[in-house]
């Protein structure tokens, strides 16, 4: 019988402060009840088999070929940092993120594998829609593999390892998604520091507007010019501080005011497509609040997930735009062994 170990990590929603968090401004975010899972099993050969179930991808690597892939990705990321290529040219296939994650852990701890491994990964978190799918997958894989190998790694080190993988996907990872995936709950995040907050008791739904045509990394690159304007960066920080105050007071009305203003700032930096802007306007006419929860998009009509906060049933408006609607709840557990 194969030895195996399975870990689970939650998705996340940024309630206030997306994009600005990359530039040291505060953000408030919460883990939610959507999950990525990774299972590590002992293998029959000396190879490492990656089984990415959602992508219908399965391929085996030796430690040598896996290290070569990791080295190539790090070389391409350095080229991105030096301005020689865009971030989308670094990580060309989504499963490479998982392969880098495993290789990096094995090499960092200098693990001499005495047997092969199988890494099975699956996720119910939509990819590229602002819910932290890559962070959840990275953290569940790191956690499962480290425990399988009986490594003693503290939570901060897990996040640091995860950030090196996330940078390949997003260019410059703030680390927020990784902290949420690791710890669960609700956090105020600023310059790498986290403070726990109570998960908000407001009526929250996520609206799926479709997978953006632009990657998170591309959106971050395009939005960067706006954050050279210190006044705009200040405005983002002020809105998040206002939301944080409202959250601690459990004041729904003030939280909705903050969400509406956050939406207007995201429109200013060009990451909310016109169709999504029209949708949010329709929501606001019902005395509700809505905003993009991830990077948004700088091209096309789709912007990933939109957070809607309303005590009313707004499903008719959602369906009119061809979107889907789901209620969400907070996750208190973070990454853990199943």
C-alpha atoms as a PDB file:
ATOM      1  CA  UNK A   1       0.000   0.000   0.000  1.00  0.00           C
ATOM      2  CA  UNK A   2       1.315   3.420  -0.968  1.00  0.00           C
ATOM      3  CA  UNK A   3       2.184   5.877   1.777  1.00  0.00           C
ATOM      4  CA  UNK A   4       0.310   9.137   1.164  1.00  0.00           C
ATOM      5  CA  UNK A   5      -0.466  12.517   2.734  1.00  0.00           C
ATOM      6  CA  UNK A   6      -3.004  15.159   1.645  1.00  0.00           C
ATOM      7  CA  UNK A   7      -3.161  18.899   2.413  1.00  0.00           C
ATOM      8  CA  UNK A   8      -5.759  21.579   1.669  1.00  0.00           C
ATOM      9  CA  UNK A   9      -5.445  25.369   1.253  1.00  0.00           C
ATOM     10  CA  UNK A  10      -8.240  27.962   0.894  1.00  0.00           C
ATOM     11  CA  UNK A  11      -8.901  30.606  -1.746  1.00  0.00           C
ATOM     12  CA  UNK A  12      -9.018  34.275  -0.837  1.00  0.00           C
ATOM     13  CA  UNK A  13     -10.885  37.502  -1.537  1.00  0.00           C
ATOM     14  CA  UNK A  14      -9.314  40.932  -1.212  1.00  0.00           C
ATOM     15  CA  UNK A  15     -11.934  43.104   0.447  1.00  0.00           C
ATOM     16  CA  UNK A  16      -9.920  46.302   0.034  1.00  0.00           C
ATOM     17  CA  UNK A  17      -6.533  47.336  -1.342  1.00  0.00           C
ATOM     18  CA  UNK A  18      -5.752  45.167  -4.406  1.00  0.00           C
ATOM     19  CA  UNK A  19      -2.891  46.468  -6.585  1.00  0.00           C
ATOM     20  CA  UNK A  20      -1.960  49.099  -3.953  1.00  0.00           C
ATOM     21  CA  UNK A  21      -0.768  46.333  -1.625  1.00  0.00           C
ATOM     22  CA  UNK A  22       2.135  45.647  -4.019  1.00  0.00           C
ATOM     23  CA  UNK A  23       3.369  49.183  -3.291  1.00  0.00           C
ATOM     24  CA  UNK A  24       3.315  48.908   0.479  1.00  0.00           C
ATOM     25  CA  UNK A  25      -0.224  50.131   1.068  1.00  0.00           C
ATOM     26  CA  UNK A  26      -2.553  48.182   3.407  1.00  0.00           C
ATOM     27  CA  UNK A  27      -5.036  45.560   2.240  1.00  0.00           C
ATOM     28  CA  UNK A  28      -7.799  43.645   3.991  1.00  0.00           C
ATOM     29  CA  UNK A  29      -8.417  40.122   2.775  1.00  0.00           C
ATOM     30  CA  UNK A  30     -10.092  36.928   3.915  1.00  0.00           C
ATOM     31  CA  UNK A  31      -9.778  33.235   3.201  1.00  0.00           C
ATOM     32  CA  UNK A  32     -12.964  31.651   1.829  1.00  0.00           C
ATOM     33  CA  UNK A  33     -14.460  28.180   1.501  1.00  0.00           C
ATOM     34  CA  UNK A  34     -13.030  27.240  -1.895  1.00  0.00           C
ATOM     35  CA  UNK A  35     -10.009  24.936  -1.887  1.00  0.00           C
ATOM     36  CA  UNK A  36      -6.947  23.512  -3.600  1.00  0.00           C
ATOM     37  CA  UNK A  37      -5.715  20.084  -2.490  1.00  0.00           C
ATOM     38  CA  UNK A  38      -2.388  18.330  -2.974  1.00  0.00           C
ATOM     39  CA  UNK A  39      -1.626  14.691  -2.248  1.00  0.00           C
ATOM     40  CA  UNK A  40       1.897  13.278  -2.034  1.00  0.00           C
ATOM     41  CA  UNK A  41       2.287   9.519  -2.511  1.00  0.00           C
ATOM     42  CA  UNK A  42       5.291   7.209  -2.510  1.00  0.00           C
ATOM     43  CA  UNK A  43       6.159   6.185  -6.055  1.00  0.00           C
ATOM     44  CA  UNK A  44       7.183   2.860  -7.538  1.00  0.00           C
ATOM     45  CA  UNK A  45      10.085   4.261  -9.592  1.00  0.00           C
ATOM     46  CA  UNK A  46      12.794   6.813  -8.777  1.00  0.00           C
ATOM     47  CA  UNK A  47      10.985   9.525 -10.772  1.00  0.00           C
ATOM     48  CA  UNK A  48       8.594  12.245  -9.600  1.00  0.00           C
ATOM     49  CA  UNK A  49       5.195  12.041 -11.273  1.00  0.00           C
ATOM     50  CA  UNK A  50       3.108  15.217 -11.471  1.00  0.00           C
ATOM     51  CA  UNK A  51      -0.599  14.571 -11.832  1.00  0.00           C
ATOM     52  CA  UNK A  52      -2.453  17.874 -12.322  1.00  0.00           C
ATOM     53  CA  UNK A  53      -5.975  16.573 -12.357  1.00  0.00           C
ATOM     54  CA  UNK A  54      -7.839  19.739 -13.412  1.00  0.00           C
ATOM     55  CA  UNK A  55      -5.450  20.239 -16.327  1.00  0.00           C
ATOM     56  CA  UNK A  56      -5.540  16.559 -17.316  1.00  0.00           C
ATOM     57  CA  UNK A  57      -1.750  16.571 -17.246  1.00  0.00           C
ATOM     58  CA  UNK A  58       0.541  13.810 -16.007  1.00  0.00           C
ATOM     59  CA  UNK A  59       4.286  13.643 -16.558  1.00  0.00           C
ATOM     60  CA  UNK A  60       7.298  12.155 -14.767  1.00  0.00           C
ATOM     61  CA  UNK A  61      10.612  13.918 -14.108  1.00  0.00           C
ATOM     62  CA  UNK A  62      13.936  12.788 -12.715  1.00  0.00           C
ATOM     63  CA  UNK A  63      15.510  15.040 -10.091  1.00  0.00           C
ATOM     64  CA  UNK A  64      17.994  16.161 -12.757  1.00  0.00           C
ATOM     65  CA  UNK A  65      15.371  17.170 -15.333  1.00  0.00           C
ATOM     66  CA  UNK A  66      13.259  18.820 -12.633  1.00  0.00           C
ATOM     67  CA  UNK A  67      16.236  20.903 -11.491  1.00  0.00           C
ATOM     68  CA  UNK A  68      16.927  21.907 -15.101  1.00  0.00           C
ATOM     69  CA  UNK A  69      13.320  23.159 -15.399  1.00  0.00           C
ATOM     70  CA  UNK A  70      13.664  25.127 -12.147  1.00  0.00           C
ATOM     71  CA  UNK A  71      16.947  26.699 -13.281  1.00  0.00           C
ATOM     72  CA  UNK A  72      15.395  27.701 -16.617  1.00  0.00           C
ATOM     73  CA  UNK A  73      12.441  29.368 -14.915  1.00  0.00           C
ATOM     74  CA  UNK A  74      14.755  31.284 -12.576  1.00  0.00           C
ATOM     75  CA  UNK A  75      16.860  32.450 -15.553  1.00  0.00           C
ATOM     76  CA  UNK A  76      13.736  33.644 -17.362  1.00  0.00           C
ATOM     77  CA  UNK A  77      12.508  35.438 -14.240  1.00  0.00           C
ATOM     78  CA  UNK A  78      15.846  37.269 -14.014  1.00  0.00           C
ATOM     79  CA  UNK A  79      15.362  38.287 -17.662  1.00  0.00           C
ATOM     80  CA  UNK A  80      11.945  39.692 -16.693  1.00  0.00           C
ATOM     81  CA  UNK A  81      13.466  41.657 -13.799  1.00  0.00           C
ATOM     82  CA  UNK A  82      16.046  43.105 -16.195  1.00  0.00           C
ATOM     83  CA  UNK A  83      13.320  44.171 -18.612  1.00  0.00           C
ATOM     84  CA  UNK A  84      14.170  41.711 -21.379  1.00  0.00           C
ATOM     85  CA  UNK A  85      10.782  39.970 -21.439  1.00  0.00           C
ATOM     86  CA  UNK A  86       7.232  40.164 -20.092  1.00  0.00           C
ATOM     87  CA  UNK A  87       6.066  38.136 -17.118  1.00  0.00           C
ATOM     88  CA  UNK A  88       3.894  35.890 -19.311  1.00  0.00           C
ATOM     89  CA  UNK A  89       7.086  34.644 -21.016  1.00  0.00           C
ATOM     90  CA  UNK A  90       8.432  33.259 -17.730  1.00  0.00           C
ATOM     91  CA  UNK A  91       5.836  30.682 -16.718  1.00  0.00           C
ATOM     92  CA  UNK A  92       4.538  29.338 -20.011  1.00  0.00           C
ATOM     93  CA  UNK A  93       2.464  26.420 -18.675  1.00  0.00           C
ATOM     94  CA  UNK A  94       0.375  26.456 -15.467  1.00  0.00           C
ATOM     95  CA  UNK A  95       1.731  23.093 -14.262  1.00  0.00           C
ATOM     96  CA  UNK A  96       5.296  24.508 -14.278  1.00  0.00           C
ATOM     97  CA  UNK A  97       4.372  26.396 -11.104  1.00  0.00           C
ATOM     98  CA  UNK A  98       3.835  23.103  -9.280  1.00  0.00           C
ATOM     99  CA  UNK A  99       7.033  21.611 -10.692  1.00  0.00           C
ATOM    100  CA  UNK A 100       9.097  24.621  -9.617  1.00  0.00           C
ATOM    101  CA  UNK A 101       7.544  24.483  -6.136  1.00  0.00           C
ATOM    102  CA  UNK A 102       8.506  20.836  -5.618  1.00  0.00           C
ATOM    103  CA  UNK A 103      12.002  21.191  -7.078  1.00  0.00           C
ATOM    104  CA  UNK A 104      12.713  24.309  -5.029  1.00  0.00           C
ATOM    105  CA  UNK A 105      11.737  22.630  -1.750  1.00  0.00           C
ATOM    106  CA  UNK A 106      13.786  19.500  -2.488  1.00  0.00           C
ATOM    107  CA  UNK A 107      16.857  21.519  -3.473  1.00  0.00           C
ATOM    108  CA  UNK A 108      16.590  24.023  -0.598  1.00  0.00           C
ATOM    109  CA  UNK A 109      16.566  21.202   1.952  1.00  0.00           C
ATOM    110  CA  UNK A 110      18.962  19.042  -0.086  1.00  0.00           C
ATOM    111  CA  UNK A 111      16.626  16.041   0.010  1.00  0.00           C
ATOM    112  CA  UNK A 112      18.170  12.850  -1.425  1.00  0.00           C
ATOM    113  CA  UNK A 113      15.065  10.900  -2.434  1.00  0.00           C
ATOM    114  CA  UNK A 114      15.375   7.200  -1.776  1.00  0.00           C
ATOM    115  CA  UNK A 115      12.172   6.519  -3.714  1.00  0.00           C
ATOM    116  CA  UNK A 116       9.983   8.178  -6.274  1.00  0.00           C
ATOM    117  CA  UNK A 117       7.013  10.419  -5.552  1.00  0.00           C
ATOM    118  CA  UNK A 118       3.662  11.178  -7.060  1.00  0.00           C
ATOM    119  CA  UNK A 119       2.257  14.696  -6.619  1.00  0.00           C
ATOM    120  CA  UNK A 120      -1.491  14.895  -7.248  1.00  0.00           C
ATOM    121  CA  UNK A 121      -3.037  18.350  -7.385  1.00  0.00           C
ATOM    122  CA  UNK A 122      -6.654  19.416  -7.798  1.00  0.00           C
ATOM    123  CA  UNK A 123      -8.540  22.648  -7.228  1.00  0.00           C
ATOM    124  CA  UNK A 124     -12.062  24.027  -7.148  1.00  0.00           C
ATOM    125  CA  UNK A 125     -10.706  27.599  -7.274  1.00  0.00           C
ATOM    126  CA  UNK A 126     -11.103  29.272 -10.686  1.00  0.00           C
ATOM    127  CA  UNK A 127      -7.715  30.002 -12.286  1.00  0.00           C
ATOM    128  CA  UNK A 128      -6.804  33.605 -13.069  1.00  0.00           C
ATOM    129  CA  UNK A 129      -9.916  35.118 -11.493  1.00  0.00           C
ATOM    130  CA  UNK A 130      -8.513  36.884  -8.454  1.00  0.00           C
ATOM    131  CA  UNK A 131      -9.138  34.205  -5.836  1.00  0.00           C
ATOM    132  CA  UNK A 132      -5.553  33.174  -5.147  1.00  0.00           C
ATOM    133  CA  UNK A 133      -5.663  29.863  -6.995  1.00  0.00           C
ATOM    134  CA  UNK A 134      -1.896  29.688  -7.565  1.00  0.00           C
ATOM    135  CA  UNK A 135      -1.094  30.593  -3.940  1.00  0.00           C
ATOM    136  CA  UNK A 136      -3.480  27.938  -2.621  1.00  0.00           C
ATOM    137  CA  UNK A 137      -1.974  25.292  -4.907  1.00  0.00           C
ATOM    138  CA  UNK A 138       1.597  26.271  -4.006  1.00  0.00           C
ATOM    139  CA  UNK A 139       0.893  26.230  -0.268  1.00  0.00           C
ATOM    140  CA  UNK A 140      -1.024  22.946  -0.265  1.00  0.00           C
ATOM    141  CA  UNK A 141       1.808  21.317  -2.240  1.00  0.00           C
ATOM    142  CA  UNK A 142       4.574  22.699  -0.020  1.00  0.00           C
ATOM    143  CA  UNK A 143       2.704  21.689   3.118  1.00  0.00           C
ATOM    144  CA  UNK A 144       1.878  18.189   1.936  1.00  0.00           C
ATOM    145  CA  UNK A 145       5.404  17.504   0.666  1.00  0.00           C
ATOM    146  CA  UNK A 146       7.140  18.931   3.752  1.00  0.00           C
ATOM    147  CA  UNK A 147       5.006  16.830   6.091  1.00  0.00           C
ATOM    148  CA  UNK A 148       5.426  13.750   3.903  1.00  0.00           C
ATOM    149  CA  UNK A 149       9.212  14.193   4.177  1.00  0.00           C
ATOM    150  CA  UNK A 150       8.942  15.024   7.916  1.00  0.00           C
ATOM    151  CA  UNK A 151      10.585  18.447   7.490  1.00  0.00           C
ATOM    152  CA  UNK A 152      10.228  20.978  10.310  1.00  0.00           C
ATOM    153  CA  UNK A 153       9.296  24.253   8.549  1.00  0.00           C
ATOM    154  CA  UNK A 154       7.673  27.215  10.281  1.00  0.00           C
ATOM    155  CA  UNK A 155       4.757  29.136   8.668  1.00  0.00           C
ATOM    156  CA  UNK A 156       6.920  32.164   7.744  1.00  0.00           C
ATOM    157  CA  UNK A 157       9.337  29.918   5.844  1.00  0.00           C
ATOM    158  CA  UNK A 158       6.453  28.288   3.976  1.00  0.00           C
ATOM    159  CA  UNK A 159       5.296  31.743   2.883  1.00  0.00           C
ATOM    160  CA  UNK A 160       8.816  32.751   1.821  1.00  0.00           C
ATOM    161  CA  UNK A 161       9.193  29.593  -0.276  1.00  0.00           C
ATOM    162  CA  UNK A 162       5.773  30.134  -1.785  1.00  0.00           C
ATOM    163  CA  UNK A 163       6.591  33.718  -2.703  1.00  0.00           C
ATOM    164  CA  UNK A 164       9.536  32.633  -4.838  1.00  0.00           C
ATOM    165  CA  UNK A 165       7.140  30.450  -6.818  1.00  0.00           C
ATOM    166  CA  UNK A 166       4.403  33.122  -6.952  1.00  0.00           C
ATOM    167  CA  UNK A 167       6.845  35.682  -8.374  1.00  0.00           C
ATOM    168  CA  UNK A 168       7.164  33.543 -11.498  1.00  0.00           C
ATOM    169  CA  UNK A 169       3.411  33.877 -12.026  1.00  0.00           C
ATOM    170  CA  UNK A 170       2.763  37.470 -10.998  1.00  0.00           C
ATOM    171  CA  UNK A 171       6.099  39.249 -11.366  1.00  0.00           C
ATOM    172  CA  UNK A 172       6.104  40.728  -7.875  1.00  0.00           C
ATOM    173  CA  UNK A 173       4.080  38.827  -5.299  1.00  0.00           C
ATOM    174  CA  UNK A 174       3.063  40.892  -2.269  1.00  0.00           C
ATOM    175  CA  UNK A 175       2.753  37.655  -0.311  1.00  0.00           C
ATOM    176  CA  UNK A 176      -0.830  38.466   0.695  1.00  0.00           C
ATOM    177  CA  UNK A 177      -2.409  35.460  -1.048  1.00  0.00           C
ATOM    178  CA  UNK A 178       0.170  33.154   0.525  1.00  0.00           C
ATOM    179  CA  UNK A 179      -0.396  34.485   4.036  1.00  0.00           C
ATOM    180  CA  UNK A 180      -4.174  33.985   3.655  1.00  0.00           C
ATOM    181  CA  UNK A 181      -3.750  30.480   2.237  1.00  0.00           C
ATOM    182  CA  UNK A 182      -1.439  29.598   5.126  1.00  0.00           C
ATOM    183  CA  UNK A 183      -3.286  31.179   8.050  1.00  0.00           C
ATOM    184  CA  UNK A 184      -6.942  31.376   6.955  1.00  0.00           C
ATOM    185  CA  UNK A 185      -9.288  33.877   8.588  1.00  0.00           C
ATOM    186  CA  UNK A 186      -9.215  37.603   7.835  1.00  0.00           C
ATOM    187  CA  UNK A 187      -6.044  39.698   7.822  1.00  0.00           C
ATOM    188  CA  UNK A 188      -4.885  43.261   7.517  1.00  0.00           C
ATOM    189  CA  UNK A 189      -1.710  43.065   5.446  1.00  0.00           C
ATOM    190  CA  UNK A 190       0.840  45.858   5.029  1.00  0.00           C
ATOM    191  CA  UNK A 191       4.458  45.596   3.876  1.00  0.00           C
ATOM    192  CA  UNK A 192       4.596  41.920   4.754  1.00  0.00           C
ATOM    193  CA  UNK A 193       3.169  42.387   8.242  1.00  0.00           C
ATOM    194  CA  UNK A 194      -0.167  40.818   9.170  1.00  0.00           C
ATOM    195  CA  UNK A 195      -2.740  41.642  11.845  1.00  0.00           C
ATOM    196  CA  UNK A 196      -5.707  39.365  12.442  1.00  0.00           C
ATOM    197  CA  UNK A 197      -9.192  40.715  11.922  1.00  0.00           C
ATOM    198  CA  UNK A 198     -12.612  39.187  12.538  1.00  0.00           C
ATOM    199  CA  UNK A 199     -14.141  37.649   9.438  1.00  0.00           C
ATOM    200  CA  UNK A 200     -16.803  40.191   8.385  1.00  0.00           C
ATOM    201  CA  UNK A 201     -20.441  39.407   9.072  1.00  0.00           C
ATOM    202  CA  UNK A 202     -21.689  41.063   5.906  1.00  0.00           C
ATOM    203  CA  UNK A 203     -23.784  39.344   3.181  1.00  0.00           C
ATOM    204  CA  UNK A 204     -21.125  38.461   0.596  1.00  0.00           C
ATOM    205  CA  UNK A 205     -21.461  36.919  -2.844  1.00  0.00           C
ATOM    206  CA  UNK A 206     -18.945  36.367  -5.600  1.00  0.00           C
ATOM    207  CA  UNK A 207     -19.929  37.033  -9.183  1.00  0.00           C
ATOM    208  CA  UNK A 208     -17.899  35.288 -11.865  1.00  0.00           C
ATOM    209  CA  UNK A 209     -17.479  37.648 -14.837  1.00  0.00           C
ATOM    210  CA  UNK A 210     -15.187  35.254 -16.707  1.00  0.00           C
ATOM    211  CA  UNK A 211     -11.448  34.577 -16.910  1.00  0.00           C
ATOM    212  CA  UNK A 212      -9.539  37.771 -17.834  1.00  0.00           C
ATOM    213  CA  UNK A 213      -7.605  37.836 -21.081  1.00  0.00           C
ATOM    214  CA  UNK A 214      -4.719  39.540 -19.268  1.00  0.00           C
ATOM    215  CA  UNK A 215      -2.723  37.733 -16.578  1.00  0.00           C
ATOM    216  CA  UNK A 216      -2.290  39.107 -13.065  1.00  0.00           C
ATOM    217  CA  UNK A 217       1.336  39.894 -13.875  1.00  0.00           C
ATOM    218  CA  UNK A 218       0.363  41.879 -16.977  1.00  0.00           C
ATOM    219  CA  UNK A 219      -2.249  43.856 -15.023  1.00  0.00           C
ATOM    220  CA  UNK A 220       0.288  44.657 -12.302  1.00  0.00           C
ATOM    221  CA  UNK A 221       2.777  45.807 -14.967  1.00  0.00           C
ATOM    222  CA  UNK A 222       0.212  48.060 -16.679  1.00  0.00           C
ATOM    223  CA  UNK A 223      -1.106  49.522 -13.416  1.00  0.00           C
ATOM    224  CA  UNK A 224       2.371  50.314 -12.090  1.00  0.00           C
ATOM    225  CA  UNK A 225       2.581  53.715 -13.813  1.00  0.00           C
ATOM    226  CA  UNK A 226      -0.421  54.937 -11.829  1.00  0.00           C
ATOM    227  CA  UNK A 227       1.300  54.274  -8.522  1.00  0.00           C
ATOM    228  CA  UNK A 228       4.061  56.734  -9.371  1.00  0.00           C
ATOM    229  CA  UNK A 229       1.355  59.216  -8.384  1.00  0.00           C
ATOM    230  CA  UNK A 230       1.727  59.308  -4.604  1.00  0.00           C
ATOM    231  CA  UNK A 231      -1.699  60.935  -4.222  1.00  0.00           C
ATOM    232  CA  UNK A 232      -3.463  57.979  -5.851  1.00  0.00           C
ATOM    233  CA  UNK A 233      -1.510  55.511  -3.722  1.00  0.00           C
ATOM    234  CA  UNK A 234      -2.492  57.545  -0.663  1.00  0.00           C
ATOM    235  CA  UNK A 235      -6.164  57.363  -1.706  1.00  0.00           C
ATOM    236  CA  UNK A 236      -6.007  53.569  -1.899  1.00  0.00           C
ATOM    237  CA  UNK A 237      -4.484  53.431   1.572  1.00  0.00           C
ATOM    238  CA  UNK A 238      -7.108  55.802   2.999  1.00  0.00           C
ATOM    239  CA  UNK A 239      -9.970  53.700   1.597  1.00  0.00           C
ATOM    240  CA  UNK A 240      -8.535  50.524   3.109  1.00  0.00           C
ATOM    241  CA  UNK A 241      -8.082  52.211   6.498  1.00  0.00           C
ATOM    242  CA  UNK A 242     -11.714  53.361   6.326  1.00  0.00           C
ATOM    243  CA  UNK A 243     -12.817  49.810   5.469  1.00  0.00           C
ATOM    244  CA  UNK A 244     -10.726  48.436   8.334  1.00  0.00           C
ATOM    245  CA  UNK A 245     -12.403  50.821  10.769  1.00  0.00           C
ATOM    246  CA  UNK A 246     -15.841  49.824   9.479  1.00  0.00           C
ATOM    247  CA  UNK A 247     -14.921  46.141   9.730  1.00  0.00           C
ATOM    248  CA  UNK A 248     -13.909  46.471  13.370  1.00  0.00           C
ATOM    249  CA  UNK A 249     -17.197  48.287  14.053  1.00  0.00           C
ATOM    250  CA  UNK A 250     -19.142  45.663  12.053  1.00  0.00           C
ATOM    251  CA  UNK A 251     -20.742  48.600  10.210  1.00  0.00           C
ATOM    252  CA  UNK A 252     -22.221  47.298   6.935  1.00  0.00           C
ATOM    253  CA  UNK A 253     -23.088  50.753   5.588  1.00  0.00           C
ATOM    254  CA  UNK A 254     -19.532  52.064   6.033  1.00  0.00           C
ATOM    255  CA  UNK A 255     -18.045  48.887   4.533  1.00  0.00           C
ATOM    256  CA  UNK A 256     -20.223  49.400   1.452  1.00  0.00           C
ATOM    257  CA  UNK A 257     -19.077  53.022   1.153  1.00  0.00           C
ATOM    258  CA  UNK A 258     -15.451  51.843   1.211  1.00  0.00           C
ATOM    259  CA  UNK A 259     -16.094  49.151  -1.392  1.00  0.00           C
ATOM    260  CA  UNK A 260     -17.716  51.674  -3.763  1.00  0.00           C
ATOM    261  CA  UNK A 261     -14.769  54.061  -3.414  1.00  0.00           C
ATOM    262  CA  UNK A 262     -12.286  51.199  -3.900  1.00  0.00           C
ATOM    263  CA  UNK A 263     -14.112  50.367  -7.144  1.00  0.00           C
ATOM    264  CA  UNK A 264     -13.684  53.947  -8.386  1.00  0.00           C
ATOM    265  CA  UNK A 265      -9.950  53.817  -7.700  1.00  0.00           C
ATOM    266  CA  UNK A 266      -9.634  50.520  -9.592  1.00  0.00           C
ATOM    267  CA  UNK A 267     -11.429  52.145 -12.537  1.00  0.00           C
ATOM    268  CA  UNK A 268      -8.863  54.976 -12.410  1.00  0.00           C
ATOM    269  CA  UNK A 269      -5.921  52.592 -12.797  1.00  0.00           C
ATOM    270  CA  UNK A 270      -7.591  50.921 -15.785  1.00  0.00           C
ATOM    271  CA  UNK A 271      -8.222  47.383 -14.544  1.00  0.00           C
ATOM    272  CA  UNK A 272     -12.056  47.341 -14.679  1.00  0.00           C
ATOM    273  CA  UNK A 273     -13.414  46.604 -18.184  1.00  0.00           C
ATOM    274  CA  UNK A 274     -16.380  48.746 -19.384  1.00  0.00           C
ATOM    275  CA  UNK A 275     -18.916  45.888 -19.169  1.00  0.00           C
ATOM    276  CA  UNK A 276     -17.936  45.202 -15.561  1.00  0.00           C
ATOM    277  CA  UNK A 277     -18.164  48.925 -14.800  1.00  0.00           C
ATOM    278  CA  UNK A 278     -21.745  48.893 -16.119  1.00  0.00           C
ATOM    279  CA  UNK A 279     -22.537  45.859 -13.978  1.00  0.00           C
ATOM    280  CA  UNK A 280     -21.182  47.511 -10.824  1.00  0.00           C
ATOM    281  CA  UNK A 281     -23.197  50.639 -11.630  1.00  0.00           C
ATOM    282  CA  UNK A 282     -26.360  48.507 -11.814  1.00  0.00           C
ATOM    283  CA  UNK A 283     -25.524  46.959  -8.447  1.00  0.00           C
ATOM    284  CA  UNK A 284     -24.940  50.359  -6.851  1.00  0.00           C
ATOM    285  CA  UNK A 285     -28.356  51.571  -8.021  1.00  0.00           C
ATOM    286  CA  UNK A 286     -29.797  48.948  -5.658  1.00  0.00           C
ATOM    287  CA  UNK A 287     -27.949  50.516  -2.692  1.00  0.00           C
ATOM    288  CA  UNK A 288     -25.469  47.659  -2.787  1.00  0.00           C
ATOM    289  CA  UNK A 289     -21.695  47.662  -3.356  1.00  0.00           C
ATOM    290  CA  UNK A 290     -19.413  45.725  -5.677  1.00  0.00           C
ATOM    291  CA  UNK A 291     -15.847  45.704  -6.900  1.00  0.00           C
ATOM    292  CA  UNK A 292     -13.278  43.548  -8.645  1.00  0.00           C
ATOM    293  CA  UNK A 293     -11.489  41.329  -6.123  1.00  0.00           C
ATOM    294  CA  UNK A 294      -8.265  40.499  -7.920  1.00  0.00           C
ATOM    295  CA  UNK A 295      -6.075  42.096 -10.554  1.00  0.00           C
ATOM    296  CA  UNK A 296      -9.010  42.762 -12.908  1.00  0.00           C
ATOM    297  CA  UNK A 297      -8.038  43.028 -16.562  1.00  0.00           C
ATOM    298  CA  UNK A 298      -6.516  45.574 -18.925  1.00  0.00           C
ATOM    299  CA  UNK A 299      -7.999  43.961 -22.061  1.00  0.00           C
ATOM    300  CA  UNK A 300     -11.298  42.284 -22.983  1.00  0.00           C
ATOM    301  CA  UNK A 301     -14.615  42.226 -21.103  1.00  0.00           C
ATOM    302  CA  UNK A 302     -13.886  39.748 -18.295  1.00  0.00           C
ATOM    303  CA  UNK A 303     -12.417  40.763 -14.937  1.00  0.00           C
ATOM    304  CA  UNK A 304     -12.485  37.558 -12.901  1.00  0.00           C
ATOM    305  CA  UNK A 305     -14.361  37.617  -9.614  1.00  0.00           C
ATOM    306  CA  UNK A 306     -16.415  40.587  -8.413  1.00  0.00           C
ATOM    307  CA  UNK A 307     -17.401  40.864  -4.760  1.00  0.00           C
ATOM    308  CA  UNK A 308     -21.024  41.932  -4.204  1.00  0.00           C
ATOM    309  CA  UNK A 309     -22.163  43.047  -0.759  1.00  0.00           C
ATOM    310  CA  UNK A 310     -25.931  43.374  -0.484  1.00  0.00           C
ATOM    311  CA  UNK A 311     -28.812  42.400   1.753  1.00  0.00           C
ATOM    312  CA  UNK A 312     -31.032  42.218  -1.350  1.00  0.00           C
ATOM    313  CA  UNK A 313     -31.369  39.385  -3.851  1.00  0.00           C
ATOM    314  CA  UNK A 314     -29.602  40.756  -6.944  1.00  0.00           C
ATOM    315  CA  UNK A 315     -29.556  37.537  -8.955  1.00  0.00           C
ATOM    316  CA  UNK A 316     -31.728  39.011 -11.739  1.00  0.00           C
ATOM    317  CA  UNK A 317     -29.107  41.716 -12.419  1.00  0.00           C
ATOM    318  CA  UNK A 318     -26.290  39.157 -12.306  1.00  0.00           C
ATOM    319  CA  UNK A 319     -28.010  36.831 -14.801  1.00  0.00           C
ATOM    320  CA  UNK A 320     -28.873  39.746 -17.091  1.00  0.00           C
ATOM    321  CA  UNK A 321     -25.148  40.258 -17.649  1.00  0.00           C
ATOM    322  CA  UNK A 322     -24.570  36.542 -18.218  1.00  0.00           C
ATOM    323  CA  UNK A 323     -22.637  36.127 -14.978  1.00  0.00           C
ATOM    324  CA  UNK A 324     -22.928  33.524 -12.217  1.00  0.00           C
ATOM    325  CA  UNK A 325     -23.512  34.179  -8.513  1.00  0.00           C
ATOM    326  CA  UNK A 326     -22.377  32.237  -5.430  1.00  0.00           C
ATOM    327  CA  UNK A 327     -22.517  32.911  -1.723  1.00  0.00           C
ATOM    328  CA  UNK A 328     -19.232  32.569   0.145  1.00  0.00           C
ATOM    329  CA  UNK A 329     -18.186  32.066   3.743  1.00  0.00           C
ATOM    330  CA  UNK A 330     -14.902  32.630   5.521  1.00  0.00           C
ATOM    331  CA  UNK A 331     -12.377  29.864   6.127  1.00  0.00           C
ATOM    332  CA  UNK A 332     -10.872  29.735   9.622  1.00  0.00           C
ATOM    333  CA  UNK A 333      -8.426  26.858   9.144  1.00  0.00           C
ATOM    334  CA  UNK A 334      -5.902  27.876   6.495  1.00  0.00           C
ATOM    335  CA  UNK A 335      -3.558  25.219   5.137  1.00  0.00           C
ATOM    336  CA  UNK A 336      -3.879  21.930   6.978  1.00  0.00           C
ATOM    337  CA  UNK A 337      -3.468  18.180   6.657  1.00  0.00           C
ATOM    338  CA  UNK A 338      -6.625  16.210   5.847  1.00  0.00           C
END
